[in-house]
């Protein structure tokens, strides 16, 4: 393979593992993917990981990707990291972590989040300032938890980072973040024309702004090249450009070609353990049920999340002794699969509900109803997101925009057909499965060439895939589920 070929590395440092994608910078061809696992520890709401393990996994995954791609190390020209959002990394005087990182799904900070939400004028003020109301996942709540429960660590911190910030700093030697990942902290102002840390919030948190990384204009900003130590760990030349990088959701949007240089107001549903809905917009919503994130390119990435998605439906399949694909339409059966409470709608203490059973009800119909209940919850959250952004979900011009279906559930026939039937929308199921890593690779390529990363992924076609035409929306099933949810109400579900 000629050494003139330019290869970029996109790193997806997620909760459970690191994936590194070696990508041809000119064509977007995925040459190889390296993987390495992480360890998550903790009980009773605690979820922590050692950031040193992230760094070891990154080096392992990058080396594997370059080796499997069959390209010389000198062909690699750029690298960017997309990381799990919200996690809190505290650094000591030696630049290394003082303690394990508090992860996004560490819920010990829920009391601190609730207390913070009532400060500074209450939730409406937080929405206006940051686009989000503090919840346990947000970094501000985790920092407050650390101050109250481990004041010695908080006082000793010489740096406060998000996971992707920490890894980018290890690569380049420069403390830097981007607007997208910073918008998930609840101490970064995302209002029009703001784009900076909110000093009043930092004062409330007792957080010295000098502890925070600089905010690059965007995730594709070139922040430097590999340090000698990083180059040695990765087996790459020191000349490799390092991009500012971003959060995982923002990188997925880049991988899909969403943003200012690409598609705007085109909705995405991600079907994983939880269900996520988002869209790249020019309008930041003011809705306490949504996260008003910034994208990495100057647009916004409002996001909604439901707790019960593929894992809840798989649990029903196990209880019924069925394969997950062995489902039929629910008919009269309605399942609200709120096995772990629910976030949207806000029913944190909810339990699952099954109604409409008859002697002749088949197990396959019950499983199908679980799919329908989970899909209904996700799609209703999507309608709420669109409405909060000033878009009418019933407007044909909005409804006819293809719904991009990603995540593990998008690979399943039952999930795809249920979403198709309940949404009545055309679907695009991207062929690419590593959209976060591919989005990060586009950021790396942008750092090398100066090109817009969304324009690059659009040219690469990473968001392309099978297009499924719309089918007639199943209004009867939708209305049946909505009626059961309304009748059950918070009293019965709490």
Protein backbone atom coordinates (compact mmCIF):
# COMPACT_ATOMS: atom_id res chain seq x y z
CA UNK A 1 0.00 0.00 0.00
CA UNK A 2 1.54 3.36 -0.97
CA UNK A 3 2.81 5.48 1.91
CA UNK A 4 1.20 8.57 0.34
CA UNK A 5 -2.18 7.33 1.53
CA UNK A 6 -3.46 9.55 4.36
CA UNK A 7 -5.02 7.64 7.26
CA UNK A 8 -6.80 9.22 10.23
CA UNK A 9 -7.73 7.60 13.53
CA UNK A 10 -11.12 8.13 15.18
CA UNK A 11 -11.31 6.97 18.79
CA UNK A 12 -14.59 6.07 20.51
CA UNK A 13 -13.84 5.89 24.25
CA UNK A 14 -17.14 4.65 25.66
CA UNK A 15 -18.24 3.39 29.05
CA UNK A 16 -17.28 -0.24 28.49
CA UNK A 17 -14.52 -0.13 25.85
CA UNK A 18 -12.39 1.83 23.43
CA UNK A 19 -12.71 1.43 19.67
CA UNK A 20 -10.21 2.99 17.28
CA UNK A 21 -11.13 3.25 13.60
CA UNK A 22 -8.41 3.60 10.96
CA UNK A 23 -10.03 5.51 8.09
CA UNK A 24 -8.82 6.57 4.64
CA UNK A 25 -8.96 10.36 4.91
CA UNK A 26 -9.79 10.81 1.23
CA UNK A 27 -12.52 8.22 0.74
CA UNK A 28 -13.80 7.54 4.25
CA UNK A 29 -13.14 3.81 3.81
CA UNK A 30 -13.01 2.03 7.17
CA UNK A 31 -9.74 0.13 6.94
CA UNK A 32 -9.76 -1.55 10.35
CA UNK A 33 -11.06 -1.23 13.90
CA UNK A 34 -9.09 -1.99 17.07
CA UNK A 35 -10.81 -2.67 20.40
CA UNK A 36 -9.87 -2.87 24.07
CA UNK A 37 -12.13 -3.18 27.13
CA UNK A 38 -12.58 -0.94 30.19
CA UNK A 39 -13.53 -1.92 33.72
CA UNK A 40 -16.46 -0.24 35.48
CA UNK A 41 -16.71 -0.68 39.24
CA UNK A 42 -19.19 0.32 41.93
CA UNK A 43 -22.40 -0.70 43.67
CA UNK A 44 -25.44 1.11 45.10
CA UNK A 45 -25.42 3.80 42.43
CA UNK A 46 -21.63 4.20 42.19
CA UNK A 47 -20.08 3.82 38.73
CA UNK A 48 -16.37 4.55 38.38
CA UNK A 49 -13.45 3.80 36.05
CA UNK A 50 -9.72 4.39 36.21
CA UNK A 51 -8.76 6.92 33.48
CA UNK A 52 -5.35 5.27 33.25
CA UNK A 53 -7.17 2.21 31.92
CA UNK A 54 -8.79 4.39 29.25
CA UNK A 55 -5.34 5.53 28.15
CA UNK A 56 -3.98 1.98 28.03
CA UNK A 57 -7.05 0.86 26.07
CA UNK A 58 -6.66 3.76 23.62
CA UNK A 59 -3.04 2.86 22.91
CA UNK A 60 -3.92 -0.83 22.52
CA UNK A 61 -6.85 -0.12 20.18
CA UNK A 62 -4.91 2.36 18.02
CA UNK A 63 -1.97 -0.01 17.61
CA UNK A 64 -4.35 -2.84 16.68
CA UNK A 65 -6.22 -0.69 14.14
CA UNK A 66 -3.03 0.45 12.39
CA UNK A 67 -1.65 -3.10 12.35
CA UNK A 68 -4.87 -4.61 11.01
CA UNK A 69 -5.21 -1.86 8.39
CA UNK A 70 -1.82 -2.87 7.00
CA UNK A 71 -0.62 0.70 6.68
CA UNK A 72 2.74 2.07 7.80
CA UNK A 73 2.68 4.23 10.92
CA UNK A 74 3.89 7.14 8.79
CA UNK A 75 0.62 7.09 6.84
CA UNK A 76 -1.33 8.24 9.92
CA UNK A 77 -1.78 12.01 9.81
CA UNK A 78 -4.43 12.81 12.43
CA UNK A 79 -6.28 11.52 15.49
CA UNK A 80 -9.35 12.63 17.45
CA UNK A 81 -11.12 11.29 20.52
CA UNK A 82 -14.87 11.10 21.07
CA UNK A 83 -15.62 10.18 24.68
CA UNK A 84 -18.49 9.22 26.95
CA UNK A 85 -20.10 12.42 28.15
CA UNK A 86 -20.39 13.97 31.63
CA UNK A 87 -17.75 11.94 33.49
CA UNK A 88 -15.63 13.78 36.07
CA UNK A 89 -11.84 13.37 35.95
CA UNK A 90 -9.85 15.19 38.66
CA UNK A 91 -6.12 15.63 38.14
CA UNK A 92 -3.42 16.07 40.75
CA UNK A 93 -0.21 18.07 40.70
CA UNK A 94 1.49 15.40 38.56
CA UNK A 95 -1.22 15.64 35.89
CA UNK A 96 -2.51 12.17 36.69
CA UNK A 97 -5.97 11.30 38.09
CA UNK A 98 -6.39 11.74 41.84
CA UNK A 99 -9.09 9.07 42.00
CA UNK A 100 -11.23 6.97 39.63
CA UNK A 101 -13.48 8.99 37.35
CA UNK A 102 -17.16 9.40 38.27
CA UNK A 103 -19.08 8.19 35.21
CA UNK A 104 -22.24 9.57 33.61
CA UNK A 105 -24.35 6.75 35.09
CA UNK A 106 -23.14 7.25 38.66
CA UNK A 107 -26.37 8.26 40.43
CA UNK A 108 -24.90 9.15 43.83
CA UNK A 109 -25.00 12.81 42.80
CA UNK A 110 -28.82 12.89 42.43
CA UNK A 111 -29.32 14.85 45.71
CA UNK A 112 -26.69 17.37 44.68
CA UNK A 113 -28.35 17.75 41.25
CA UNK A 114 -31.76 18.42 42.83
CA UNK A 115 -30.28 21.00 45.20
CA UNK A 116 -28.38 22.75 42.40
CA UNK A 117 -31.49 22.87 40.20
CA UNK A 118 -33.22 25.07 42.78
CA UNK A 119 -30.36 27.57 42.92
CA UNK A 120 -29.66 30.50 40.59
CA UNK A 121 -33.35 31.18 40.01
CA UNK A 122 -34.47 27.57 39.56
CA UNK A 123 -34.78 25.27 36.54
CA UNK A 124 -35.84 28.01 34.11
CA UNK A 125 -32.65 29.92 34.83
CA UNK A 126 -30.50 26.82 34.26
CA UNK A 127 -32.27 26.21 30.95
CA UNK A 128 -31.62 29.76 29.84
CA UNK A 129 -27.97 29.62 30.84
CA UNK A 130 -26.86 26.11 29.91
CA UNK A 131 -29.72 24.51 27.97
CA UNK A 132 -30.14 21.80 30.63
CA UNK A 133 -31.37 21.41 34.19
CA UNK A 134 -28.90 19.60 36.49
CA UNK A 135 -29.55 15.88 36.86
CA UNK A 136 -27.33 13.19 38.35
CA UNK A 137 -25.53 12.55 35.06
CA UNK A 138 -24.31 16.14 34.63
CA UNK A 139 -20.72 16.92 35.60
CA UNK A 140 -21.70 19.87 37.80
CA UNK A 141 -23.64 17.54 40.11
CA UNK A 142 -20.67 15.14 40.27
CA UNK A 143 -18.26 17.92 41.19
CA UNK A 144 -20.64 19.04 43.93
CA UNK A 145 -20.84 15.44 45.20
CA UNK A 146 -17.04 15.31 45.33
CA UNK A 147 -16.87 18.59 47.27
CA UNK A 148 -19.35 17.32 49.85
CA UNK A 149 -18.15 13.74 50.17
CA UNK A 150 -14.44 13.88 49.35
CA UNK A 151 -13.39 17.46 50.07
CA UNK A 152 -9.72 16.44 50.26
CA UNK A 153 -9.78 15.33 46.62
CA UNK A 154 -11.68 18.41 45.50
CA UNK A 155 -9.20 20.69 47.27
CA UNK A 156 -6.19 18.84 45.79
CA UNK A 157 -7.44 19.02 42.19
CA UNK A 158 -5.20 20.96 39.82
CA UNK A 159 -7.33 20.10 36.80
CA UNK A 160 -10.94 19.11 36.10
CA UNK A 161 -11.62 17.28 32.86
CA UNK A 162 -14.23 15.34 30.94
CA UNK A 163 -13.15 11.87 29.73
CA UNK A 164 -12.42 13.01 26.18
CA UNK A 165 -10.62 16.14 27.45
CA UNK A 166 -8.30 13.98 29.55
CA UNK A 167 -7.41 11.70 26.66
CA UNK A 168 -6.88 14.61 24.26
CA UNK A 169 -4.54 16.17 26.81
CA UNK A 170 -2.62 12.90 27.12
CA UNK A 171 -2.23 12.87 23.33
CA UNK A 172 -1.28 16.51 22.77
CA UNK A 173 -0.11 17.89 26.09
CA UNK A 174 -2.71 20.66 25.85
CA UNK A 175 -5.76 20.99 28.16
CA UNK A 176 -8.61 21.58 25.72
CA UNK A 177 -12.25 20.68 25.20
CA UNK A 178 -14.92 21.59 22.63
CA UNK A 179 -18.36 23.25 22.82
CA UNK A 180 -20.23 19.97 22.34
CA UNK A 181 -18.81 17.99 25.24
CA UNK A 182 -18.55 21.14 27.41
CA UNK A 183 -22.30 21.65 27.01
CA UNK A 184 -22.91 18.47 29.02
CA UNK A 185 -21.30 19.85 32.18
CA UNK A 186 -24.03 22.33 33.24
CA UNK A 187 -21.33 24.95 33.79
CA UNK A 188 -20.92 25.95 30.14
CA UNK A 189 -23.22 28.60 28.70
CA UNK A 190 -24.82 27.54 25.42
CA UNK A 191 -27.13 30.51 24.82
CA UNK A 192 -26.92 32.44 21.52
CA UNK A 193 -23.62 34.27 21.35
CA UNK A 194 -22.37 32.85 24.69
CA UNK A 195 -20.20 29.75 24.20
CA UNK A 196 -18.17 30.14 27.40
CA UNK A 197 -17.97 28.92 30.97
CA UNK A 198 -20.61 30.51 33.19
CA UNK A 199 -18.66 32.28 35.93
CA UNK A 200 -21.64 32.58 38.28
CA UNK A 201 -22.24 28.81 38.10
CA UNK A 202 -18.54 28.15 38.68
CA UNK A 203 -18.68 30.41 41.74
CA UNK A 204 -21.70 28.49 43.01
CA UNK A 205 -19.74 25.25 42.59
CA UNK A 206 -16.57 26.65 44.14
CA UNK A 207 -14.79 25.69 40.93
CA UNK A 208 -11.81 27.80 39.88
CA UNK A 209 -12.00 28.35 36.09
CA UNK A 210 -8.23 27.93 35.97
CA UNK A 211 -8.83 24.21 36.64
CA UNK A 212 -10.80 23.83 33.40
CA UNK A 213 -9.50 23.27 29.87
CA UNK A 214 -9.67 25.93 27.19
CA UNK A 215 -12.65 25.62 24.83
CA UNK A 216 -11.63 25.18 21.20
CA UNK A 217 -13.94 26.66 18.53
CA UNK A 218 -14.91 23.16 17.37
CA UNK A 219 -14.03 19.50 17.59
CA UNK A 220 -11.97 19.59 14.39
CA UNK A 221 -9.69 22.34 15.71
CA UNK A 222 -6.05 21.31 15.53
CA UNK A 223 -4.69 21.62 19.09
CA UNK A 224 -1.18 20.28 18.47
CA UNK A 225 0.64 17.09 17.60
CA UNK A 226 1.45 13.96 19.57
CA UNK A 227 3.74 14.38 22.55
CA UNK A 228 6.86 12.18 22.56
CA UNK A 229 5.29 9.96 25.24
CA UNK A 230 2.02 9.63 23.33
CA UNK A 231 3.80 8.91 20.05
CA UNK A 232 5.79 6.16 21.76
CA UNK A 233 2.68 4.66 23.41
CA UNK A 234 0.72 4.60 20.14
CA UNK A 235 3.62 3.67 17.86
CA UNK A 236 2.96 6.71 15.66
CA UNK A 237 5.04 9.67 14.46
CA UNK A 238 5.11 12.82 16.57
CA UNK A 239 3.85 14.74 13.52
CA UNK A 240 0.33 13.26 13.84
CA UNK A 241 -2.16 16.14 14.27
CA UNK A 242 -4.42 15.99 17.32
CA UNK A 243 -7.95 17.41 17.02
CA UNK A 244 -9.89 18.86 19.96
CA UNK A 245 -12.41 15.99 19.72
CA UNK A 246 -15.87 15.94 21.29
CA UNK A 247 -18.49 13.88 23.14
CA UNK A 248 -19.81 10.59 21.79
CA UNK A 249 -23.29 11.87 20.87
CA UNK A 250 -21.80 14.85 19.02
CA UNK A 251 -19.41 12.57 17.12
CA UNK A 252 -22.30 10.28 16.13
CA UNK A 253 -24.07 13.32 14.66
CA UNK A 254 -20.95 14.15 12.64
CA UNK A 255 -20.77 10.54 11.46
CA UNK A 256 -24.37 10.81 10.26
CA UNK A 257 -23.67 14.03 8.35
CA UNK A 258 -25.78 16.17 10.69
CA UNK A 259 -24.89 19.80 11.31
CA UNK A 260 -24.39 23.16 9.70
CA UNK A 261 -22.69 21.80 6.59
CA UNK A 262 -25.09 18.88 6.31
CA UNK A 263 -28.59 17.90 7.41
CA UNK A 264 -30.51 20.00 9.91
CA UNK A 265 -33.73 19.06 11.73
CA UNK A 266 -33.45 15.43 10.58
CA UNK A 267 -34.28 13.26 13.60
CA UNK A 268 -32.25 10.34 14.91
CA UNK A 269 -33.36 7.48 17.14
CA UNK A 270 -30.68 5.38 18.79
CA UNK A 271 -31.91 2.04 20.11
CA UNK A 272 -29.60 0.77 22.83
CA UNK A 273 -29.93 -0.20 26.48
CA UNK A 274 -31.64 3.18 26.71
CA UNK A 275 -33.32 5.00 23.86
CA UNK A 276 -31.85 8.30 22.67
CA UNK A 277 -33.40 10.84 20.32
CA UNK A 278 -31.62 13.86 18.89
CA UNK A 279 -31.39 16.20 15.94
CA UNK A 280 -28.97 18.88 14.79
CA UNK A 281 -30.82 22.19 14.87
CA UNK A 282 -30.19 25.92 14.79
CA UNK A 283 -32.60 26.34 17.70
CA UNK A 284 -31.82 25.41 21.28
CA UNK A 285 -34.96 24.17 23.06
CA UNK A 286 -35.97 25.30 26.54
CA UNK A 287 -37.51 22.10 27.85
CA UNK A 288 -36.53 20.60 31.24
CA UNK A 289 -37.09 17.12 29.83
CA UNK A 290 -34.36 17.59 27.22
CA UNK A 291 -30.64 18.23 27.24
CA UNK A 292 -29.98 21.36 25.21
CA UNK A 293 -26.53 20.28 24.07
CA UNK A 294 -24.37 22.19 21.66
CA UNK A 295 -23.10 20.34 18.61
CA UNK A 296 -19.39 20.49 17.91
CA UNK A 297 -19.78 22.83 14.92
CA UNK A 298 -21.80 25.78 16.25
CA UNK A 299 -25.28 24.30 15.83
CA UNK A 300 -27.26 22.60 18.62
CA UNK A 301 -27.85 18.95 19.40
CA UNK A 302 -30.94 18.73 21.65
CA UNK A 303 -31.27 15.24 23.08
CA UNK A 304 -33.89 13.22 24.93
CA UNK A 305 -33.34 9.90 26.67
CA UNK A 306 -35.62 7.07 27.74
CA UNK A 307 -34.35 4.48 30.20
CA UNK A 308 -36.13 1.37 28.92
CA UNK A 309 -35.33 0.23 25.42
CA UNK A 310 -33.58 -2.90 24.11
CA UNK A 311 -32.62 -4.29 27.51
CA UNK A 312 -36.21 -4.06 28.78
CA UNK A 313 -37.60 -5.78 25.69
CA UNK A 314 -34.96 -8.50 25.90
CA UNK A 315 -36.04 -9.09 29.49
CA UNK A 316 -39.61 -9.70 28.31
CA UNK A 317 -38.29 -12.14 25.70
CA UNK A 318 -36.45 -14.03 28.45
CA UNK A 319 -39.49 -14.12 30.72
CA UNK A 320 -41.61 -15.46 27.88
CA UNK A 321 -39.00 -18.00 26.74
CA UNK A 322 -38.86 -16.47 23.26
CA UNK A 323 -36.15 -15.38 20.89
CA UNK A 324 -36.06 -11.58 20.72
CA UNK A 325 -37.14 -11.68 17.06
CA UNK A 326 -40.08 -14.03 17.71
CA UNK A 327 -42.63 -11.22 18.14
CA UNK A 328 -46.04 -10.43 16.68
CA UNK A 329 -48.14 -7.23 16.84
CA UNK A 330 -49.59 -6.78 20.33
CA UNK A 331 -53.22 -6.40 19.31
CA UNK A 332 -55.24 -5.70 22.48
CA UNK A 333 -52.20 -6.18 24.71
CA UNK A 334 -50.40 -3.08 25.96
CA UNK A 335 -47.05 -3.21 27.72
CA UNK A 336 -45.42 -0.22 29.38
CA UNK A 337 -41.94 -1.72 29.87
CA UNK A 338 -40.81 0.67 32.60
CA UNK A 339 -38.72 -1.95 34.38
CA UNK A 340 -36.25 0.58 35.80
CA UNK A 341 -38.51 3.58 36.28
CA UNK A 342 -38.61 5.98 33.37
CA UNK A 343 -37.07 9.32 32.49
CA UNK A 344 -39.41 10.33 29.65
CA UNK A 345 -42.15 10.38 30.88
CA UNK A 346 -40.76 11.38 34.27
CA UNK A 347 -41.71 8.34 36.37
CA UNK A 348 -38.52 7.51 38.27
CA UNK A 349 -40.18 4.90 40.52
CA UNK A 350 -42.36 3.26 37.87
CA UNK A 351 -42.72 -0.48 37.40
CA UNK A 352 -43.68 -2.31 34.22
CA UNK A 353 -47.36 -2.70 33.36
CA UNK A 354 -49.11 -5.32 31.19
CA UNK A 355 -52.80 -5.06 30.34
CA UNK A 356 -55.25 -6.47 27.80
CA UNK A 357 -54.43 -10.14 28.35
CA UNK A 358 -56.99 -12.80 27.32
CA UNK A 359 -57.05 -16.61 27.51
CA UNK A 360 -56.16 -16.69 23.85
CA UNK A 361 -53.29 -14.21 24.05
CA UNK A 362 -50.13 -15.64 22.54
CA UNK A 363 -46.71 -15.00 24.12
CA UNK A 364 -45.49 -13.57 20.80
CA UNK A 365 -48.13 -10.84 21.07
CA UNK A 366 -46.98 -9.93 24.58
CA UNK A 367 -43.42 -9.61 23.33
CA UNK A 368 -44.63 -7.55 20.38
CA UNK A 369 -46.50 -5.28 22.79
CA UNK A 370 -43.25 -4.77 24.74
CA UNK A 371 -41.59 -3.63 21.52
CA UNK A 372 -44.53 -1.33 20.85
CA UNK A 373 -44.47 0.18 24.34
CA UNK A 374 -40.74 0.89 24.19
CA UNK A 375 -40.94 2.28 20.64
CA UNK A 376 -43.93 4.45 21.60
CA UNK A 377 -41.97 5.95 24.51
CA UNK A 378 -38.96 6.75 22.32
CA UNK A 379 -41.04 8.17 19.47
CA UNK A 380 -43.14 10.28 21.81
CA UNK A 381 -39.90 11.71 23.22
CA UNK A 382 -38.87 12.50 19.65
CA UNK A 383 -42.13 14.35 19.00
CA UNK A 384 -41.51 16.35 22.17
CA UNK A 385 -38.00 17.21 21.03
CA UNK A 386 -39.18 18.40 17.63
CA UNK A 387 -41.96 20.49 19.18
CA UNK A 388 -39.51 22.08 21.63
CA UNK A 389 -37.37 23.10 18.64
CA UNK A 390 -40.33 24.85 17.00
CA UNK A 391 -41.13 22.04 14.58
CA UNK A 392 -44.60 20.53 14.27
CA UNK A 393 -44.24 16.72 14.37
CA UNK A 394 -47.50 16.40 12.43
CA UNK A 395 -46.39 18.73 9.63
CA UNK A 396 -45.88 16.59 6.50
CA UNK A 397 -42.72 18.56 5.71
CA UNK A 398 -41.31 17.44 9.06
CA UNK A 399 -42.81 13.94 9.14
CA UNK A 400 -41.53 13.11 5.66
CA UNK A 401 -37.91 13.67 6.68
CA UNK A 402 -36.31 10.25 7.05
CA UNK A 403 -35.80 9.01 10.58
CA UNK A 404 -32.26 7.76 11.05
CA UNK A 405 -32.27 4.58 13.09
CA UNK A 406 -29.00 3.64 14.79
CA UNK A 407 -27.76 1.55 17.72
CA UNK A 408 -27.89 -2.16 18.36
CA UNK A 409 -31.68 -2.32 18.01
CA UNK A 410 -31.47 -0.94 14.47
CA UNK A 411 -29.93 -4.27 13.44
CA UNK A 412 -33.04 -6.20 14.53
CA UNK A 413 -36.02 -6.84 12.29
CA UNK A 414 -38.60 -6.60 15.08
CA UNK A 415 -37.28 -3.22 16.24
CA UNK A 416 -37.07 -1.81 12.73
CA UNK A 417 -40.57 -2.89 11.75
CA UNK A 418 -42.11 -1.68 15.03
CA UNK A 419 -40.54 1.77 14.72
CA UNK A 420 -41.54 1.93 11.08
CA UNK A 421 -45.16 1.03 11.88
CA UNK A 422 -45.59 3.37 14.85
CA UNK A 423 -43.78 6.34 13.31
CA UNK A 424 -45.17 6.22 9.78
CA UNK A 425 -41.86 7.72 8.69
CA UNK A 426 -39.35 6.66 6.07
CA UNK A 427 -36.34 5.13 7.78
CA UNK A 428 -32.64 5.20 6.98
CA UNK A 429 -30.64 2.44 8.66
CA UNK A 430 -26.98 3.37 8.12
CA UNK A 431 -24.70 0.60 6.95
CA UNK A 432 -21.84 1.85 9.11
CA UNK A 433 -21.92 0.52 12.66
CA UNK A 434 -19.10 2.61 14.20
CA UNK A 435 -20.61 6.05 13.71
CA UNK A 436 -18.98 7.59 16.80
CA UNK A 437 -15.51 6.48 15.73
CA UNK A 438 -16.17 7.52 12.13
CA UNK A 439 -17.34 10.93 13.30
CA UNK A 440 -14.16 11.27 15.36
CA UNK A 441 -12.12 10.27 12.29
CA UNK A 442 -13.77 13.09 10.35
CA UNK A 443 -12.76 15.51 13.13
CA UNK A 444 -9.20 14.22 12.81
CA UNK A 445 -9.30 14.71 9.04
CA UNK A 446 -10.64 18.23 9.55
CA UNK A 447 -7.71 18.99 11.85
CA UNK A 448 -5.31 17.85 9.12
CA UNK A 449 -6.93 19.50 6.09
CA UNK A 450 -9.07 22.31 7.51
CA UNK A 451 -12.17 20.84 5.86
CA UNK A 452 -15.56 20.80 7.57
CA UNK A 453 -15.97 17.36 9.18
CA UNK A 454 -19.70 17.18 8.44
CA UNK A 455 -19.01 17.95 4.78
CA UNK A 456 -16.40 15.18 4.85
CA UNK A 457 -18.75 12.52 6.25
CA UNK A 458 -21.39 13.60 3.76
CA UNK A 459 -18.88 13.02 0.96
CA UNK A 460 -17.71 9.77 2.58
CA UNK A 461 -21.30 8.56 2.83
CA UNK A 462 -20.90 7.24 6.37
CA UNK A 463 -24.53 8.05 7.17
CA UNK A 464 -25.86 6.24 4.09
CA UNK A 465 -27.65 2.94 4.29
CA UNK A 466 -30.81 1.04 3.56
CA UNK A 467 -33.81 3.29 2.94
CA UNK A 468 -37.15 1.86 4.04
CA UNK A 469 -40.19 3.66 2.62
CA UNK A 470 -42.92 4.76 5.03
CA UNK A 471 -45.88 2.56 5.86
CA UNK A 472 -49.26 3.70 7.08
CA UNK A 473 -48.91 4.79 10.69
CA UNK A 474 -50.58 2.44 13.17
CA UNK A 475 -52.73 5.08 14.87
CA UNK A 476 -54.86 2.45 16.60
CA UNK A 477 -51.92 0.95 18.49
CA UNK A 478 -50.47 4.40 19.24
CA UNK A 479 -53.77 5.64 20.69
CA UNK A 480 -54.25 2.44 22.70
CA UNK A 481 -50.85 2.81 24.38
CA UNK A 482 -51.40 6.52 25.01
CA UNK A 483 -54.78 5.80 26.62
CA UNK A 484 -53.30 3.17 28.95
CA UNK A 485 -50.49 5.50 29.98
CA UNK A 486 -52.96 8.29 30.69
CA UNK A 487 -55.31 6.02 32.64
CA UNK A 488 -52.53 4.46 34.69
CA UNK A 489 -51.07 7.83 35.56
CA UNK A 490 -48.22 8.57 37.92
CA UNK A 491 -50.13 7.25 40.94
CA UNK A 492 -50.35 3.67 39.66
CA UNK A 493 -46.93 3.68 38.08
CA UNK A 494 -44.93 5.06 41.02
